[in-house]
């Protein structure tokens, strides 16, 4: 598994050493500020599962890289505050899993598991 591209800025008190371009692409493409409107316009349910179903239409190479980046992100073992700051503040994620009594880590794990399952089934 290749390491993500390094960068050097501070996230809270922790220096996050890596950038995650495929995670950024996912958030920018699927959880931007109008993500709910886009799903409604397509006649889809406005929920995370609809977004995941749309995302699984991406090419296998992207999905494999996305899964790898999610694994790398999870391996950093960031606390909830830092994980939220990374995804919400730095990457501008307009979905908040805590509204549904979940956590940022559980959400990232769920994304990883769904992509991993899809890739393993579509061999």
PDB file of N, CA and C in Angstrom:
ATOM      1  N   UNK A   1       0.852  -1.169   0.000  1.00  0.00           N
ATOM      2  CA  UNK A   1       0.000   0.000   0.000  1.00  0.00           C
ATOM      3  C   UNK A   1       0.898   1.233   0.000  1.00  0.00           C
ATOM      4  N   UNK A   2       0.699   2.111  -0.977  1.00  0.00           N
ATOM      5  CA  UNK A   2       1.512   3.323  -1.087  1.00  0.00           C
ATOM      6  C   UNK A   2       1.083   4.350  -0.049  1.00  0.00           C
ATOM      7  N   UNK A   3       2.061   5.088   0.443  1.00  0.00           N
ATOM      8  CA  UNK A   3       1.751   6.152   1.395  1.00  0.00           C
ATOM      9  C   UNK A   3       1.165   7.348   0.661  1.00  0.00           C
ATOM     10  N   UNK A   4       0.246   8.078   1.315  1.00  0.00           N
ATOM     11  CA  UNK A   4      -0.298   9.284   0.698  1.00  0.00           C
ATOM     12  C   UNK A   4       0.763  10.382   0.623  1.00  0.00           C
ATOM     13  N   UNK A   5       0.464  11.399  -0.137  1.00  0.00           N
ATOM     14  CA  UNK A   5       1.383  12.513  -0.330  1.00  0.00           C
ATOM     15  C   UNK A   5       1.556  13.307   0.963  1.00  0.00           C
ATOM     16  N   UNK A   6       2.798  13.557   1.387  1.00  0.00           N
ATOM     17  CA  UNK A   6       2.996  14.337   2.614  1.00  0.00           C
ATOM     18  C   UNK A   6       2.614  15.804   2.448  1.00  0.00           C
ATOM     19  N   UNK A   7       2.206  16.421   3.515  1.00  0.00           N
ATOM     20  CA  UNK A   7       2.049  17.864   3.591  1.00  0.00           C
ATOM     21  C   UNK A   7       2.370  18.274   5.014  1.00  0.00           C
ATOM     22  N   UNK A   8       2.489  19.556   5.250  1.00  0.00           N
ATOM     23  CA  UNK A   8       2.937  19.966   6.580  1.00  0.00           C
ATOM     24  C   UNK A   8       2.129  21.131   7.113  1.00  0.00           C
ATOM     25  N   UNK A   9       0.952  20.868   7.617  1.00  0.00           N
ATOM     26  CA  UNK A   9       0.258  21.890   8.382  1.00  0.00           C
ATOM     27  C   UNK A   9      -0.276  21.265   9.656  1.00  0.00           C
ATOM     28  N   UNK A  10      -0.707  22.100  10.547  1.00  0.00           N
ATOM     29  CA  UNK A  10      -1.165  21.620  11.850  1.00  0.00           C
ATOM     30  C   UNK A  10      -2.669  21.390  11.815  1.00  0.00           C
ATOM     31  N   UNK A  11      -3.097  20.308  12.402  1.00  0.00           N
ATOM     32  CA  UNK A  11      -4.502  20.027  12.610  1.00  0.00           C
ATOM     33  C   UNK A  11      -4.648  19.912  14.111  1.00  0.00           C
ATOM     34  N   UNK A  12      -5.206  20.922  14.721  1.00  0.00           N
ATOM     35  CA  UNK A  12      -5.218  20.953  16.174  1.00  0.00           C
ATOM     36  C   UNK A  12      -3.783  20.969  16.659  1.00  0.00           C
ATOM     37  N   UNK A  13      -3.474  20.159  17.635  1.00  0.00           N
ATOM     38  CA  UNK A  13      -2.122  20.098  18.189  1.00  0.00           C
ATOM     39  C   UNK A  13      -1.292  19.007  17.534  1.00  0.00           C
ATOM     40  N   UNK A  14      -1.878  18.257  16.596  1.00  0.00           N
ATOM     41  CA  UNK A  14      -1.187  17.129  15.989  1.00  0.00           C
ATOM     42  C   UNK A  14      -0.795  17.478  14.560  1.00  0.00           C
ATOM     43  N   UNK A  15       0.422  17.166  14.192  1.00  0.00           N
ATOM     44  CA  UNK A  15       0.881  17.402  12.828  1.00  0.00           C
ATOM     45  C   UNK A  15       0.503  16.183  11.986  1.00  0.00           C
ATOM     46  N   UNK A  16      -0.486  16.354  11.137  1.00  0.00           N
ATOM     47  CA  UNK A  16      -0.897  15.271  10.252  1.00  0.00           C
ATOM     48  C   UNK A  16       0.061  15.285   9.059  1.00  0.00           C
ATOM     49  N   UNK A  17       0.731  14.179   8.830  1.00  0.00           N
ATOM     50  CA  UNK A  17       1.819  14.135   7.854  1.00  0.00           C
ATOM     51  C   UNK A  17       1.382  13.793   6.436  1.00  0.00           C
ATOM     52  N   UNK A  18       0.142  13.462   6.242  1.00  0.00           N
ATOM     53  CA  UNK A  18      -0.260  12.969   4.936  1.00  0.00           C
ATOM     54  C   UNK A  18      -1.517  13.652   4.420  1.00  0.00           C
ATOM     55  N   UNK A  19      -1.616  13.679   3.114  1.00  0.00           N
ATOM     56  CA  UNK A  19      -2.780  14.195   2.436  1.00  0.00           C
ATOM     57  C   UNK A  19      -3.506  12.987   1.837  1.00  0.00           C
ATOM     58  N   UNK A  20      -4.818  13.078   1.695  1.00  0.00           N
ATOM     59  CA  UNK A  20      -5.620  11.971   1.186  1.00  0.00           C
ATOM     60  C   UNK A  20      -6.447  12.461  -0.003  1.00  0.00           C
ATOM     61  N   UNK A  21      -5.864  12.487  -1.209  1.00  0.00           N
ATOM     62  CA  UNK A  21      -6.568  13.063  -2.361  1.00  0.00           C
ATOM     63  C   UNK A  21      -7.850  12.329  -2.745  1.00  0.00           C
ATOM     64  N   UNK A  22      -7.909  11.031  -2.584  1.00  0.00           N
ATOM     65  CA  UNK A  22      -9.126  10.294  -2.950  1.00  0.00           C
ATOM     66  C   UNK A  22     -10.241  10.533  -1.929  1.00  0.00           C
ATOM     67  N   UNK A  23      -9.893  10.683  -0.672  1.00  0.00           N
ATOM     68  CA  UNK A  23     -10.894  11.036   0.339  1.00  0.00           C
ATOM     69  C   UNK A  23     -11.404  12.452   0.070  1.00  0.00           C
ATOM     70  N   UNK A  24     -10.503  13.366  -0.268  1.00  0.00           N
ATOM     71  CA  UNK A  24     -10.923  14.733  -0.606  1.00  0.00           C
ATOM     72  C   UNK A  24     -11.862  14.724  -1.806  1.00  0.00           C
ATOM     73  N   UNK A  25     -11.522  13.933  -2.824  1.00  0.00           N
ATOM     74  CA  UNK A  25     -12.363  13.835  -4.018  1.00  0.00           C
ATOM     75  C   UNK A  25     -13.758  13.318  -3.645  1.00  0.00           C
ATOM     76  N   UNK A  26     -13.799  12.288  -2.803  1.00  0.00           N
ATOM     77  CA  UNK A  26     -15.080  11.720  -2.368  1.00  0.00           C
ATOM     78  C   UNK A  26     -15.933  12.773  -1.672  1.00  0.00           C
ATOM     79  N   UNK A  27     -15.336  13.501  -0.745  1.00  0.00           N
ATOM     80  CA  UNK A  27     -16.089  14.507  -0.004  1.00  0.00           C
ATOM     81  C   UNK A  27     -16.532  15.638  -0.931  1.00  0.00           C
ATOM     82  N   UNK A  28     -15.623  16.107  -1.775  1.00  0.00           N
ATOM     83  CA  UNK A  28     -15.968  17.196  -2.697  1.00  0.00           C
ATOM     84  C   UNK A  28     -17.043  16.765  -3.691  1.00  0.00           C
ATOM     85  N   UNK A  29     -16.993  15.515  -4.112  1.00  0.00           N
ATOM     86  CA  UNK A  29     -17.934  15.030  -5.110  1.00  0.00           C
ATOM     87  C   UNK A  29     -19.263  14.554  -4.559  1.00  0.00           C
ATOM     88  N   UNK A  30     -19.275  14.119  -3.317  1.00  0.00           N
ATOM     89  CA  UNK A  30     -20.485  13.480  -2.788  1.00  0.00           C
ATOM     90  C   UNK A  30     -21.045  14.122  -1.528  1.00  0.00           C
ATOM     91  N   UNK A  31     -20.236  14.792  -0.748  1.00  0.00           N
ATOM     92  CA  UNK A  31     -20.731  15.426   0.479  1.00  0.00           C
ATOM     93  C   UNK A  31     -20.425  16.917   0.495  1.00  0.00           C
ATOM     94  N   UNK A  32     -20.579  17.548  -0.675  1.00  0.00           N
ATOM     95  CA  UNK A  32     -20.420  18.997  -0.789  1.00  0.00           C
ATOM     96  C   UNK A  32     -21.637  19.674  -0.173  1.00  0.00           C
ATOM     97  N   UNK A  33     -21.675  20.997  -0.200  1.00  0.00           N
ATOM     98  CA  UNK A  33     -22.735  21.722   0.491  1.00  0.00           C
ATOM     99  C   UNK A  33     -24.129  21.452  -0.065  1.00  0.00           C
ATOM    100  N   UNK A  34     -24.256  21.010  -1.301  1.00  0.00           N
ATOM    101  CA  UNK A  34     -25.571  20.755  -1.902  1.00  0.00           C
ATOM    102  C   UNK A  34     -25.874  19.279  -2.077  1.00  0.00           C
ATOM    103  N   UNK A  35     -25.185  18.404  -1.329  1.00  0.00           N
ATOM    104  CA  UNK A  35     -25.331  16.973  -1.569  1.00  0.00           C
ATOM    105  C   UNK A  35     -26.775  16.502  -1.407  1.00  0.00           C
ATOM    106  N   UNK A  36     -27.494  17.060  -0.451  1.00  0.00           N
ATOM    107  CA  UNK A  36     -28.886  16.630  -0.244  1.00  0.00           C
ATOM    108  C   UNK A  36     -29.757  17.033  -1.434  1.00  0.00           C
ATOM    109  N   UNK A  37     -29.540  18.247  -1.943  1.00  0.00           N
ATOM    110  CA  UNK A  37     -30.309  18.728  -3.093  1.00  0.00           C
ATOM    111  C   UNK A  37     -30.069  17.857  -4.331  1.00  0.00           C
ATOM    112  N   UNK A  38     -28.829  17.439  -4.530  1.00  0.00           N
ATOM    113  CA  UNK A  38     -28.489  16.600  -5.684  1.00  0.00           C
ATOM    114  C   UNK A  38     -29.231  15.264  -5.603  1.00  0.00           C
ATOM    115  N   UNK A  39     -29.240  14.653  -4.425  1.00  0.00           N
ATOM    116  CA  UNK A  39     -29.947  13.380  -4.276  1.00  0.00           C
ATOM    117  C   UNK A  39     -31.445  13.555  -4.504  1.00  0.00           C
ATOM    118  N   UNK A  40     -32.017  14.613  -3.928  1.00  0.00           N
ATOM    119  CA  UNK A  40     -33.445  14.874  -4.117  1.00  0.00           C
ATOM    120  C   UNK A  40     -33.771  15.078  -5.594  1.00  0.00           C
ATOM    121  N   UNK A  41     -32.928  15.836  -6.303  1.00  0.00           N
ATOM    122  CA  UNK A  41     -33.163  16.096  -7.728  1.00  0.00           C
ATOM    123  C   UNK A  41     -33.114  14.813  -8.549  1.00  0.00           C
ATOM    124  N   UNK A  42     -32.332  13.852  -8.105  1.00  0.00           N
ATOM    125  CA  UNK A  42     -32.250  12.563  -8.806  1.00  0.00           C
ATOM    126  C   UNK A  42     -33.327  11.583  -8.356  1.00  0.00           C
ATOM    127  N   UNK A  43     -34.158  12.006  -7.400  1.00  0.00           N
ATOM    128  CA  UNK A  43     -35.216  11.146  -6.890  1.00  0.00           C
ATOM    129  C   UNK A  43     -34.708  10.056  -5.966  1.00  0.00           C
ATOM    130  N   UNK A  44     -33.546  10.265  -5.374  1.00  0.00           N
ATOM    131  CA  UNK A  44     -32.952   9.283  -4.467  1.00  0.00           C
ATOM    132  C   UNK A  44     -33.219   9.663  -3.015  1.00  0.00           C
ATOM    133  N   UNK A  45     -33.182   8.683  -2.152  1.00  0.00           N
ATOM    134  CA  UNK A  45     -33.318   8.949  -0.718  1.00  0.00           C
ATOM    135  C   UNK A  45     -32.126   9.785  -0.252  1.00  0.00           C
ATOM    136  N   UNK A  46     -32.390  10.728   0.624  1.00  0.00           N
ATOM    137  CA  UNK A  46     -31.328  11.604   1.124  1.00  0.00           C
ATOM    138  C   UNK A  46     -30.732  10.955   2.363  1.00  0.00           C
ATOM    139  N   UNK A  47     -29.741  10.084   2.117  1.00  0.00           N
ATOM    140  CA  UNK A  47     -29.056   9.414   3.216  1.00  0.00           C
ATOM    141  C   UNK A  47     -27.684   8.929   2.753  1.00  0.00           C
ATOM    142  N   UNK A  48     -26.901   8.491   3.703  1.00  0.00           N
ATOM    143  CA  UNK A  48     -25.535   8.057   3.420  1.00  0.00           C
ATOM    144  C   UNK A  48     -25.525   6.860   2.471  1.00  0.00           C
ATOM    145  N   UNK A  49     -26.448   5.948   2.622  1.00  0.00           N
ATOM    146  CA  UNK A  49     -26.463   4.760   1.772  1.00  0.00           C
ATOM    147  C   UNK A  49     -26.682   5.115   0.305  1.00  0.00           C
ATOM    148  N   UNK A  50     -27.498   6.129   0.028  1.00  0.00           N
ATOM    149  CA  UNK A  50     -27.675   6.582  -1.355  1.00  0.00           C
ATOM    150  C   UNK A  50     -26.374   7.144  -1.908  1.00  0.00           C
ATOM    151  N   UNK A  51     -25.662   7.891  -1.081  1.00  0.00           N
ATOM    152  CA  UNK A  51     -24.374   8.450  -1.512  1.00  0.00           C
ATOM    153  C   UNK A  51     -23.386   7.318  -1.787  1.00  0.00           C
ATOM    154  N   UNK A  52     -23.334   6.336  -0.904  1.00  0.00           N
ATOM    155  CA  UNK A  52     -22.414   5.216  -1.095  1.00  0.00           C
ATOM    156  C   UNK A  52     -22.756   4.466  -2.382  1.00  0.00           C
ATOM    157  N   UNK A  53     -24.027   4.248  -2.634  1.00  0.00           N
ATOM    158  CA  UNK A  53     -24.433   3.558  -3.865  1.00  0.00           C
ATOM    159  C   UNK A  53     -23.976   4.340  -5.095  1.00  0.00           C
ATOM    160  N   UNK A  54     -24.091   5.654  -5.068  1.00  0.00           N
ATOM    161  CA  UNK A  54     -23.612   6.480  -6.177  1.00  0.00           C
ATOM    162  C   UNK A  54     -22.096   6.385  -6.304  1.00  0.00           C
ATOM    163  N   UNK A  55     -21.398   6.433  -5.188  1.00  0.00           N
ATOM    164  CA  UNK A  55     -19.938   6.396  -5.183  1.00  0.00           C
ATOM    165  C   UNK A  55     -19.419   5.065  -5.725  1.00  0.00           C
ATOM    166  N   UNK A  56     -20.140   3.981  -5.488  1.00  0.00           N
ATOM    167  CA  UNK A  56     -19.691   2.669  -5.954  1.00  0.00           C
ATOM    168  C   UNK A  56     -19.725   2.543  -7.478  1.00  0.00           C
ATOM    169  N   UNK A  57     -20.250   3.548  -8.162  1.00  0.00           N
ATOM    170  CA  UNK A  57     -20.220   3.569  -9.630  1.00  0.00           C
ATOM    171  C   UNK A  57     -18.878   4.072 -10.155  1.00  0.00           C
ATOM    172  N   UNK A  58     -18.046   4.581  -9.257  1.00  0.00           N
ATOM    173  CA  UNK A  58     -16.713   5.045  -9.659  1.00  0.00           C
ATOM    174  C   UNK A  58     -15.910   3.842 -10.152  1.00  0.00           C
ATOM    175  N   UNK A  59     -14.845   4.110 -10.845  1.00  0.00           N
ATOM    176  CA  UNK A  59     -14.009   3.034 -11.356  1.00  0.00           C
ATOM    177  C   UNK A  59     -13.301   2.265 -10.257  1.00  0.00           C
ATOM    178  N   UNK A  60     -12.959   1.046 -10.568  1.00  0.00           N
ATOM    179  CA  UNK A  60     -12.296   0.154  -9.610  1.00  0.00           C
ATOM    180  C   UNK A  60     -10.983   0.735  -9.084  1.00  0.00           C
ATOM    181  N   UNK A  61     -10.222   1.390  -9.943  1.00  0.00           N
ATOM    182  CA  UNK A  61      -8.939   1.962  -9.514  1.00  0.00           C
ATOM    183  C   UNK A  61      -9.160   3.036  -8.457  1.00  0.00           C
ATOM    184  N   UNK A  62     -10.145   3.911  -8.684  1.00  0.00           N
ATOM    185  CA  UNK A  62     -10.441   4.931  -7.674  1.00  0.00           C
ATOM    186  C   UNK A  62     -10.887   4.279  -6.371  1.00  0.00           C
ATOM    187  N   UNK A  63     -11.815   3.340  -6.457  1.00  0.00           N
ATOM    188  CA  UNK A  63     -12.349   2.714  -5.242  1.00  0.00           C
ATOM    189  C   UNK A  63     -11.268   1.994  -4.453  1.00  0.00           C
ATOM    190  N   UNK A  64     -10.369   1.337  -5.144  1.00  0.00           N
ATOM    191  CA  UNK A  64      -9.274   0.647  -4.469  1.00  0.00           C
ATOM    192  C   UNK A  64      -8.372   1.655  -3.752  1.00  0.00           C
ATOM    193  N   UNK A  65      -8.041   2.746  -4.412  1.00  0.00           N
ATOM    194  CA  UNK A  65      -7.228   3.790  -3.788  1.00  0.00           C
ATOM    195  C   UNK A  65      -7.949   4.465  -2.633  1.00  0.00           C
ATOM    196  N   UNK A  66      -9.249   4.675  -2.795  1.00  0.00           N
ATOM    197  CA  UNK A  66     -10.072   5.269  -1.738  1.00  0.00           C
ATOM    198  C   UNK A  66     -10.056   4.371  -0.500  1.00  0.00           C
ATOM    199  N   UNK A  67     -10.260   3.078  -0.724  1.00  0.00           N
ATOM    200  CA  UNK A  67     -10.219   2.126   0.396  1.00  0.00           C
ATOM    201  C   UNK A  67      -8.861   2.176   1.093  1.00  0.00           C
ATOM    202  N   UNK A  68      -7.774   2.214   0.319  1.00  0.00           N
ATOM    203  CA  UNK A  68      -6.428   2.273   0.905  1.00  0.00           C
ATOM    204  C   UNK A  68      -6.248   3.532   1.745  1.00  0.00           C
ATOM    205  N   UNK A  69      -6.730   4.665   1.240  1.00  0.00           N
ATOM    206  CA  UNK A  69      -6.612   5.904   2.007  1.00  0.00           C
ATOM    207  C   UNK A  69      -7.442   5.857   3.277  1.00  0.00           C
ATOM    208  N   UNK A  70      -8.631   5.255   3.214  1.00  0.00           N
ATOM    209  CA  UNK A  70      -9.436   5.109   4.433  1.00  0.00           C
ATOM    210  C   UNK A  70      -8.697   4.260   5.463  1.00  0.00           C
ATOM    211  N   UNK A  71      -8.048   3.197   5.006  1.00  0.00           N
ATOM    212  CA  UNK A  71      -7.256   2.362   5.918  1.00  0.00           C
ATOM    213  C   UNK A  71      -6.129   3.167   6.554  1.00  0.00           C
ATOM    214  N   UNK A  72      -5.448   3.980   5.745  1.00  0.00           N
ATOM    215  CA  UNK A  72      -4.359   4.799   6.267  1.00  0.00           C
ATOM    216  C   UNK A  72      -4.870   5.832   7.267  1.00  0.00           C
ATOM    217  N   UNK A  73      -6.003   6.419   6.957  1.00  0.00           N
ATOM    218  CA  UNK A  73      -6.604   7.396   7.872  1.00  0.00           C
ATOM    219  C   UNK A  73      -6.981   6.736   9.190  1.00  0.00           C
ATOM    220  N   UNK A  74      -7.614   5.583   9.121  1.00  0.00           N
ATOM    221  CA  UNK A  74      -7.996   4.873  10.347  1.00  0.00           C
ATOM    222  C   UNK A  74      -6.769   4.466  11.154  1.00  0.00           C
ATOM    223  N   UNK A  75      -5.691   4.112  10.475  1.00  0.00           N
ATOM    224  CA  UNK A  75      -4.464   3.695  11.162  1.00  0.00           C
ATOM    225  C   UNK A  75      -3.819   4.840  11.944  1.00  0.00           C
ATOM    226  N   UNK A  76      -4.150   6.080  11.598  1.00  0.00           N
ATOM    227  CA  UNK A  76      -3.624   7.220  12.354  1.00  0.00           C
ATOM    228  C   UNK A  76      -4.200   7.287  13.767  1.00  0.00           C
ATOM    229  N   UNK A  77      -5.317   6.604  13.980  1.00  0.00           N
ATOM    230  CA  UNK A  77      -5.987   6.583  15.290  1.00  0.00           C
ATOM    231  C   UNK A  77      -6.227   7.983  15.849  1.00  0.00           C
ATOM    232  N   UNK A  78      -6.733   8.868  14.994  1.00  0.00           N
ATOM    233  CA  UNK A  78      -7.055  10.215  15.445  1.00  0.00           C
ATOM    234  C   UNK A  78      -8.243  10.169  16.399  1.00  0.00           C
ATOM    235  N   UNK A  79      -8.242  11.037  17.384  1.00  0.00           N
ATOM    236  CA  UNK A  79      -9.421  11.106  18.248  1.00  0.00           C
ATOM    237  C   UNK A  79     -10.557  11.773  17.462  1.00  0.00           C
ATOM    238  N   UNK A  80     -11.753  11.725  17.999  1.00  0.00           N
ATOM    239  CA  UNK A  80     -12.933  12.236  17.296  1.00  0.00           C
ATOM    240  C   UNK A  80     -12.782  13.697  16.900  1.00  0.00           C
ATOM    241  N   UNK A  81     -12.231  14.493  17.782  1.00  0.00           N
ATOM    242  CA  UNK A  81     -12.071  15.919  17.518  1.00  0.00           C
ATOM    243  C   UNK A  81     -11.165  16.136  16.302  1.00  0.00           C
ATOM    244  N   UNK A  82     -10.035  15.462  16.269  1.00  0.00           N
ATOM    245  CA  UNK A  82      -9.103  15.639  15.154  1.00  0.00           C
ATOM    246  C   UNK A  82      -9.647  15.057  13.850  1.00  0.00           C
ATOM    247  N   UNK A  83     -10.322  13.920  13.942  1.00  0.00           N
ATOM    248  CA  UNK A  83     -10.902  13.319  12.743  1.00  0.00           C
ATOM    249  C   UNK A  83     -11.979  14.237  12.165  1.00  0.00           C
ATOM    250  N   UNK A  84     -12.825  14.790  13.030  1.00  0.00           N
ATOM    251  CA  UNK A  84     -13.843  15.745  12.575  1.00  0.00           C
ATOM    252  C   UNK A  84     -13.192  16.970  11.947  1.00  0.00           C
ATOM    253  N   UNK A  85     -12.148  17.492  12.602  1.00  0.00           N
ATOM    254  CA  UNK A  85     -11.472  18.665  12.049  1.00  0.00           C
ATOM    255  C   UNK A  85     -10.879  18.374  10.678  1.00  0.00           C
ATOM    256  N   UNK A  86     -10.303  17.210  10.509  1.00  0.00           N
ATOM    257  CA  UNK A  86      -9.731  16.850   9.214  1.00  0.00           C
ATOM    258  C   UNK A  86     -10.818  16.780   8.150  1.00  0.00           C
ATOM    259  N   UNK A  87     -11.879  16.031   8.423  1.00  0.00           N
ATOM    260  CA  UNK A  87     -12.904  15.789   7.415  1.00  0.00           C
ATOM    261  C   UNK A  87     -13.837  16.979   7.215  1.00  0.00           C
ATOM    262  N   UNK A  88     -14.218  17.615   8.280  1.00  0.00           N
ATOM    263  CA  UNK A  88     -15.197  18.702   8.184  1.00  0.00           C
ATOM    264  C   UNK A  88     -14.536  20.051   7.885  1.00  0.00           C
ATOM    265  N   UNK A  89     -13.473  20.358   8.596  1.00  0.00           N
ATOM    266  CA  UNK A  89     -12.854  21.668   8.452  1.00  0.00           C
ATOM    267  C   UNK A  89     -11.898  21.717   7.271  1.00  0.00           C
ATOM    268  N   UNK A  90     -10.988  20.776   7.198  1.00  0.00           N
ATOM    269  CA  UNK A  90     -10.000  20.821   6.117  1.00  0.00           C
ATOM    270  C   UNK A  90     -10.594  20.349   4.796  1.00  0.00           C
ATOM    271  N   UNK A  91     -11.386  19.265   4.806  1.00  0.00           N
ATOM    272  CA  UNK A  91     -11.916  18.713   3.561  1.00  0.00           C
ATOM    273  C   UNK A  91     -13.345  19.174   3.260  1.00  0.00           C
ATOM    274  N   UNK A  92     -13.935  19.960   4.135  1.00  0.00           N
ATOM    275  CA  UNK A  92     -15.250  20.585   3.931  1.00  0.00           C
ATOM    276  C   UNK A  92     -16.381  19.586   3.753  1.00  0.00           C
ATOM    277  N   UNK A  93     -16.375  18.548   4.560  1.00  0.00           N
ATOM    278  CA  UNK A  93     -17.448  17.552   4.520  1.00  0.00           C
ATOM    279  C   UNK A  93     -18.725  18.163   5.100  1.00  0.00           C
ATOM    280  N   UNK A  94     -19.789  18.115   4.339  1.00  0.00           N
ATOM    281  CA  UNK A  94     -21.067  18.662   4.782  1.00  0.00           C
ATOM    282  C   UNK A  94     -22.027  17.581   5.261  1.00  0.00           C
ATOM    283  N   UNK A  95     -21.477  16.500   5.720  1.00  0.00           N
ATOM    284  CA  UNK A  95     -22.264  15.461   6.400  1.00  0.00           C
ATOM    285  C   UNK A  95     -21.678  15.314   7.791  1.00  0.00           C
ATOM    286  N   UNK A  96     -22.534  15.207   8.778  1.00  0.00           N
ATOM    287  CA  UNK A  96     -22.080  15.070  10.159  1.00  0.00           C
ATOM    288  C   UNK A  96     -22.700  13.811  10.760  1.00  0.00           C
ATOM    289  N   UNK A  97     -21.919  12.749  10.899  1.00  0.00           N
ATOM    290  CA  UNK A  97     -22.486  11.494  11.415  1.00  0.00           C
ATOM    291  C   UNK A  97     -22.955  11.589  12.862  1.00  0.00           C
ATOM    292  N   UNK A  98     -22.492  12.580  13.604  1.00  0.00           N
ATOM    293  CA  UNK A  98     -22.904  12.692  15.005  1.00  0.00           C
ATOM    294  C   UNK A  98     -24.370  13.094  15.138  1.00  0.00           C
ATOM    295  N   UNK A  99     -24.942  13.641  14.085  1.00  0.00           N
ATOM    296  CA  UNK A  99     -26.373  13.985  14.093  1.00  0.00           C
ATOM    297  C   UNK A  99     -27.216  12.715  14.199  1.00  0.00           C
ATOM    298  N   UNK A 100     -26.688  11.613  13.696  1.00  0.00           N
ATOM    299  CA  UNK A 100     -27.395  10.325  13.714  1.00  0.00           C
ATOM    300  C   UNK A 100     -26.876   9.411  14.830  1.00  0.00           C
ATOM    301  N   UNK A 101     -26.382  10.014  15.899  1.00  0.00           N
ATOM    302  CA  UNK A 101     -25.854   9.254  17.044  1.00  0.00           C
ATOM    303  C   UNK A 101     -24.734   8.300  16.655  1.00  0.00           C
ATOM    304  N   UNK A 102     -23.887   8.722  15.744  1.00  0.00           N
ATOM    305  CA  UNK A 102     -22.731   7.937  15.368  1.00  0.00           C
ATOM    306  C   UNK A 102     -21.480   8.744  15.682  1.00  0.00           C
ATOM    307  N   UNK A 103     -20.346   8.282  15.185  1.00  0.00           N
ATOM    308  CA  UNK A 103     -19.096   9.011  15.364  1.00  0.00           C
ATOM    309  C   UNK A 103     -18.424   9.130  14.003  1.00  0.00           C
ATOM    310  N   UNK A 104     -17.445  10.012  13.926  1.00  0.00           N
ATOM    311  CA  UNK A 104     -16.695  10.163  12.674  1.00  0.00           C
ATOM    312  C   UNK A 104     -15.941   8.873  12.366  1.00  0.00           C
ATOM    313  N   UNK A 105     -15.358   8.255  13.372  1.00  0.00           N
ATOM    314  CA  UNK A 105     -14.600   7.026  13.145  1.00  0.00           C
ATOM    315  C   UNK A 105     -15.511   5.894  12.652  1.00  0.00           C
ATOM    316  N   UNK A 106     -16.665   5.746  13.260  1.00  0.00           N
ATOM    317  CA  UNK A 106     -17.607   4.706  12.830  1.00  0.00           C
ATOM    318  C   UNK A 106     -18.031   4.958  11.376  1.00  0.00           C
ATOM    319  N   UNK A 107     -18.247   6.215  11.019  1.00  0.00           N
ATOM    320  CA  UNK A 107     -18.627   6.552   9.652  1.00  0.00           C
ATOM    321  C   UNK A 107     -17.515   6.183   8.674  1.00  0.00           C
ATOM    322  N   UNK A 108     -16.271   6.536   8.996  1.00  0.00           N
ATOM    323  CA  UNK A 108     -15.145   6.198   8.117  1.00  0.00           C
ATOM    324  C   UNK A 108     -14.996   4.678   8.018  1.00  0.00           C
ATOM    325  N   UNK A 109     -15.154   3.972   9.130  1.00  0.00           N
ATOM    326  CA  UNK A 109     -15.100   2.504   9.106  1.00  0.00           C
ATOM    327  C   UNK A 109     -16.198   1.936   8.215  1.00  0.00           C
ATOM    328  N   UNK A 110     -17.391   2.515   8.296  1.00  0.00           N
ATOM    329  CA  UNK A 110     -18.513   2.057   7.470  1.00  0.00           C
ATOM    330  C   UNK A 110     -18.209   2.262   5.982  1.00  0.00           C
ATOM    331  N   UNK A 111     -17.689   3.446   5.634  1.00  0.00           N
ATOM    332  CA  UNK A 111     -17.308   3.691   4.246  1.00  0.00           C
ATOM    333  C   UNK A 111     -16.290   2.656   3.780  1.00  0.00           C
ATOM    334  N   UNK A 112     -15.289   2.442   4.603  1.00  0.00           N
ATOM    335  CA  UNK A 112     -14.246   1.461   4.261  1.00  0.00           C
ATOM    336  C   UNK A 112     -14.853   0.083   4.042  1.00  0.00           C
ATOM    337  N   UNK A 113     -15.674  -0.355   4.971  1.00  0.00           N
ATOM    338  CA  UNK A 113     -16.252  -1.694   4.885  1.00  0.00           C
ATOM    339  C   UNK A 113     -17.132  -1.866   3.653  1.00  0.00           C
ATOM    340  N   UNK A 114     -17.918  -0.844   3.320  1.00  0.00           N
ATOM    341  CA  UNK A 114     -18.789  -0.941   2.138  1.00  0.00           C
ATOM    342  C   UNK A 114     -17.969  -1.020   0.857  1.00  0.00           C
ATOM    343  N   UNK A 115     -16.927  -0.190   0.754  1.00  0.00           N
ATOM    344  CA  UNK A 115     -16.083  -0.212  -0.445  1.00  0.00           C
ATOM    345  C   UNK A 115     -15.323  -1.536  -0.518  1.00  0.00           C
ATOM    346  N   UNK A 116     -14.794  -1.978   0.596  1.00  0.00           N
ATOM    347  CA  UNK A 116     -14.054  -3.241   0.638  1.00  0.00           C
ATOM    348  C   UNK A 116     -14.950  -4.408   0.221  1.00  0.00           C
ATOM    349  N   UNK A 117     -16.158  -4.437   0.755  1.00  0.00           N
ATOM    350  CA  UNK A 117     -17.113  -5.494   0.405  1.00  0.00           C
ATOM    351  C   UNK A 117     -17.431  -5.455  -1.093  1.00  0.00           C
ATOM    352  N   UNK A 118     -17.678  -4.284  -1.618  1.00  0.00           N
ATOM    353  CA  UNK A 118     -17.981  -4.148  -3.039  1.00  0.00           C
ATOM    354  C   UNK A 118     -16.808  -4.634  -3.892  1.00  0.00           C
ATOM    355  N   UNK A 119     -15.598  -4.221  -3.550  1.00  0.00           N
ATOM    356  CA  UNK A 119     -14.433  -4.627  -4.336  1.00  0.00           C
ATOM    357  C   UNK A 119     -14.210  -6.138  -4.262  1.00  0.00           C
ATOM    358  N   UNK A 120     -14.446  -6.725  -3.110  1.00  0.00           N
ATOM    359  CA  UNK A 120     -14.257  -8.176  -2.965  1.00  0.00           C
ATOM    360  C   UNK A 120     -15.333  -8.969  -3.701  1.00  0.00           C
ATOM    361  N   UNK A 121     -16.539  -8.426  -3.793  1.00  0.00           N
ATOM    362  CA  UNK A 121     -17.622  -9.116  -4.501  1.00  0.00           C
ATOM    363  C   UNK A 121     -17.516  -8.974  -6.008  1.00  0.00           C
ATOM    364  N   UNK A 122     -16.863  -7.904  -6.457  1.00  0.00           N
ATOM    365  CA  UNK A 122     -16.820  -7.651  -7.896  1.00  0.00           C
ATOM    366  C   UNK A 122     -15.529  -8.129  -8.544  1.00  0.00           C
ATOM    367  N   UNK A 123     -14.864  -9.084  -7.904  1.00  0.00           N
ATOM    368  CA  UNK A 123     -13.617  -9.622  -8.487  1.00  0.00           C
ATOM    369  C   UNK A 123     -13.925 -10.393  -9.705  1.00  0.00           C
TER     370      UNK A 123
END
